[in-house]
Amino acid sequence: MAVRVRSGSANGTVITMTLDDFRRVVPPERVERLELKKQDELRLRNEREVVQERLNRLLQRISQLDKSVDEDDMTDAEFRNLEDLRITENLRHQQLAERLVRVGAQLSRNKRELKRMVGAVYKDFLANGMGRTTNSVPDQSRNQNSQS
């Protein structure tokens, strides 16, 4: 498995190395923090998907309740029961939507923090001279017009 460490700059520099090499050059505590942050990101993504799925199913149930209220001939007691159920389902929908927003905000913060942590690893590589290789060739595609 390869590890990619990207710079935060516009030039898009990427350092690719094996996981074993990465573990050799990065302190174990830092690797563990990165792994924990990535696991947290995956957990939040999964939680977001679960909440979205539950929200979609709930919306379908609310839609079916709305249709049955409009289409069926029912007594006042049946109508009140259905209306109470609809109100309850709408409240659940609101709570799930709020949860989805909270999970999305947590995921966004987590991704920013992970990006910052990876950027710090990249800067440390450069500061220690590990980012320079003898095989790297600068990208000349941007300077083609000036050579004419």
Protein backbone atom coordinates (compact mmCIF):
# COMPACT_ATOMS: atom_id res chain seq x y z
CA MET A 1 0.00 0.00 0.00
CA ALA A 2 1.29 3.45 -0.88
CA VAL A 3 0.92 6.61 1.14
CA ARG A 4 0.54 9.95 -0.62
CA VAL A 5 1.44 13.13 1.17
CA ARG A 6 0.27 16.22 -0.68
CA SER A 7 1.34 19.78 -0.22
CA GLY A 8 -1.25 22.43 0.44
CA SER A 9 0.17 24.61 -2.30
CA ALA A 10 -1.17 25.25 -5.78
CA ASN A 11 1.61 23.31 -7.50
CA GLY A 12 0.09 20.02 -6.31
CA THR A 13 3.33 18.36 -5.22
CA VAL A 14 2.83 14.77 -4.07
CA ILE A 15 5.23 12.48 -2.23
CA THR A 16 4.37 8.80 -2.65
CA MET A 17 5.98 6.09 -0.54
CA THR A 18 5.16 2.70 0.88
CA LEU A 19 3.42 2.54 4.23
CA ASP A 20 6.51 0.91 5.75
CA ASP A 21 8.73 3.77 4.56
CA PHE A 22 6.22 6.27 5.87
CA ARG A 23 6.27 4.60 9.28
CA ARG A 24 10.09 4.74 9.27
CA VAL A 25 10.29 8.49 8.66
CA VAL A 26 7.26 9.69 10.64
CA PRO A 27 7.16 9.36 14.44
CA PRO A 28 4.81 6.57 15.63
CA GLU A 29 2.66 8.98 17.66
CA ARG A 30 2.04 11.09 14.58
CA VAL A 31 1.21 8.04 12.45
CA GLU A 32 -1.23 6.89 15.12
CA ARG A 33 -2.92 10.32 15.23
CA LEU A 34 -3.25 10.30 11.44
CA GLU A 35 -4.69 6.77 11.48
CA LEU A 36 -7.16 7.66 14.24
CA LYS A 37 -8.24 10.79 12.37
CA LYS A 38 -8.75 8.76 9.17
CA GLN A 39 -10.75 6.11 11.07
CA ASP A 40 -12.89 8.87 12.55
CA GLU A 41 -13.48 10.25 9.05
CA LEU A 42 -14.57 6.82 7.79
CA ARG A 43 -16.87 6.38 10.80
CA LEU A 44 -18.48 9.78 10.19
CA ARG A 45 -18.95 9.02 6.48
CA ASN A 46 -20.64 5.76 7.36
CA GLU A 47 -22.84 7.46 9.95
CA ARG A 48 -23.81 10.13 7.41
CA GLU A 49 -24.83 7.44 4.90
CA VAL A 50 -26.91 5.62 7.54
CA VAL A 51 -28.69 8.83 8.56
CA GLN A 52 -29.34 9.73 4.90
CA GLU A 53 -30.84 6.30 4.26
CA ARG A 54 -33.06 6.54 7.34
CA LEU A 55 -34.11 10.03 6.28
CA ASN A 56 -35.05 8.81 2.79
CA ARG A 57 -37.13 5.94 4.18
CA LEU A 58 -38.87 8.30 6.59
CA LEU A 59 -39.68 10.74 3.78
CA GLN A 60 -41.24 7.89 1.81
CA ARG A 61 -43.40 6.94 4.82
CA ILE A 62 -44.50 10.55 5.29
CA SER A 63 -45.36 10.78 1.60
CA GLN A 64 -47.42 7.58 1.83
CA LEU A 65 -49.25 8.94 4.88
CA ASP A 66 -50.03 12.14 2.99
CA LYS A 67 -51.42 10.14 0.06
CA SER A 68 -53.55 7.92 2.28
CA VAL A 69 -55.04 10.96 4.06
CA ASP A 70 -55.94 12.51 0.69
CA GLU A 71 -57.32 9.36 -0.95
CA ASP A 72 -59.09 7.32 1.72
CA ASP A 73 -62.55 7.88 3.13
CA MET A 74 -62.12 7.61 6.86
CA THR A 75 -63.79 8.45 10.10
CA ASP A 76 -62.75 11.41 12.20
CA ALA A 77 -60.99 9.09 14.67
CA GLU A 78 -58.99 7.43 11.88
CA PHE A 79 -58.10 10.83 10.45
CA ARG A 80 -56.89 12.08 13.88
CA ASN A 81 -54.79 8.93 14.34
CA LEU A 82 -53.21 9.35 10.91
CA GLU A 83 -52.64 13.06 11.54
CA ASP A 84 -50.97 12.30 14.89
CA LEU A 85 -48.74 9.73 13.17
CA ARG A 86 -47.89 12.26 10.47
CA ILE A 87 -46.94 14.87 13.08
CA THR A 88 -44.75 12.31 14.89
CA GLU A 89 -43.04 11.29 11.65
CA ASN A 90 -42.45 14.94 10.70
CA LEU A 91 -40.81 15.50 14.09
CA ARG A 92 -38.58 12.46 13.53
CA HIS A 93 -37.73 13.85 10.11
CA GLN A 94 -36.69 17.17 11.63
CA GLN A 95 -34.53 15.41 14.23
CA LEU A 96 -32.84 13.23 11.60
CA ALA A 97 -32.21 16.26 9.38
CA GLU A 98 -30.59 18.06 12.31
CA ARG A 99 -28.47 14.99 13.05
CA LEU A 100 -27.40 14.83 9.40
CA VAL A 101 -26.27 18.47 9.58
CA ARG A 102 -24.32 17.81 12.80
CA VAL A 103 -22.60 14.74 11.33
CA GLY A 104 -21.81 16.64 8.13
CA ALA A 105 -20.29 19.50 10.13
CA GLN A 106 -18.20 17.04 12.18
CA LEU A 107 -17.05 15.34 8.98
CA SER A 108 -16.08 18.66 7.44
CA ARG A 109 -14.07 19.67 10.51
CA ASN A 110 -12.43 16.25 10.58
CA LYS A 111 -11.43 16.46 6.91
CA ARG A 112 -9.95 19.94 7.38
CA GLU A 113 -7.98 18.75 10.41
CA LEU A 114 -6.72 15.67 8.54
CA LYS A 115 -5.66 17.83 5.60
CA ARG A 116 -3.84 20.18 7.98
CA MET A 117 -2.08 17.24 9.66
CA VAL A 118 -0.98 15.77 6.32
CA GLY A 119 0.20 19.22 5.20
CA ALA A 120 2.30 19.47 8.36
CA VAL A 121 3.88 16.07 7.59
CA TYR A 122 4.68 17.31 4.08
CA LYS A 123 6.28 20.49 5.43
CA ASP A 124 8.36 18.41 7.82
CA PHE A 125 9.52 16.24 4.90
CA LEU A 126 10.63 19.33 3.02
CA ALA A 127 12.28 20.85 6.09
CA ASN A 128 14.28 17.66 6.61
CA GLY A 129 15.21 17.39 2.93
CA MET A 130 13.23 14.19 2.41
CA GLY A 131 10.98 15.64 -0.28
CA ARG A 132 13.74 16.06 -2.82
CA THR A 133 14.57 13.19 -5.13
CA THR A 134 17.09 12.86 -7.93
CA ASN A 135 14.42 11.42 -10.24
CA SER A 136 12.01 14.33 -10.01
CA VAL A 137 11.62 16.42 -13.15
CA PRO A 138 9.92 19.82 -13.00
CA ASP A 139 6.74 20.20 -15.01
CA GLN A 140 7.64 22.30 -18.07
CA SER A 141 4.17 22.30 -19.65
CA ARG A 142 3.33 25.74 -18.20
CA ASN A 143 6.42 27.36 -19.76
CA GLN A 144 5.94 26.19 -23.37
CA ASN A 145 4.66 29.58 -24.58
CA SER A 146 7.69 31.46 -23.25
CA GLN A 147 10.15 29.23 -25.14
CA SER A 148 8.88 30.28 -28.58
